[in-house]
């Protein structure tokens, strides 16, 4: 199933018009014509089946022939991940975590962070592409970057974890994750969280966890964390 994404389409809509960019892709690249089917999601759990009624590369119009609502997963996963030094590695994490199943992502700026900004528009497009490729109907939420101390002082429900590399008493994440829970996991930068940051998180109720016996890159650790949460909820 080839899936299109547009947040503007709503349950109960009878028709929809794509913007110029999407219309050109549908008509010129995919060579869709009147009568062809197109599947659309709004990223909020709805799947719309539609039929092309006007195949114009500047204004492609469809009529909605069916709609279906999908239940959300029984858990929610919020990954707070420090930006990587190279943007392409963070982009890889966004893509893979979306395919596996993540609900919310917050870039956290830490003491050892080497990058403090990113291109939000590009990251949003990566999330959209990964959602469509993996045939999912919920769009992950991408938050603005926030400093570590501000993030850990915010109130989050459910299980709270911080994955760090210091040689302290830690539990394996896969052994402490509980199914059907709200889960927030902190993943640090290449230089790891500072001792001060770790202490602050522990003071705020975060549980220190390990992701295995090897030291992982930031983006790999985030993907392992996403998979662990998805696996527990299978």
Foldseek 3Di string as FASTA:
>chain_A
DQEAEALPDDPPAFKDKDALVVLLCVCVVVVADFQDWYWYANQQFKIWIWTFHDNDNHITMTTTDDMDGDDDALEAEEEAFAQEPDNVLVLVLLLLLLLLDHAEYEHEHAPPHPDQDDDVVVSQVSQRVSCRVSVHRHGHHYDYYYYLLVVLPDDDDWAAAEEWDDPDDAAAPLVPDAESTYYYYYFYAPVTHDPVSVVSNVVSPHGYHYPDDDDDHRSVSSSSNSNSRSVNRD
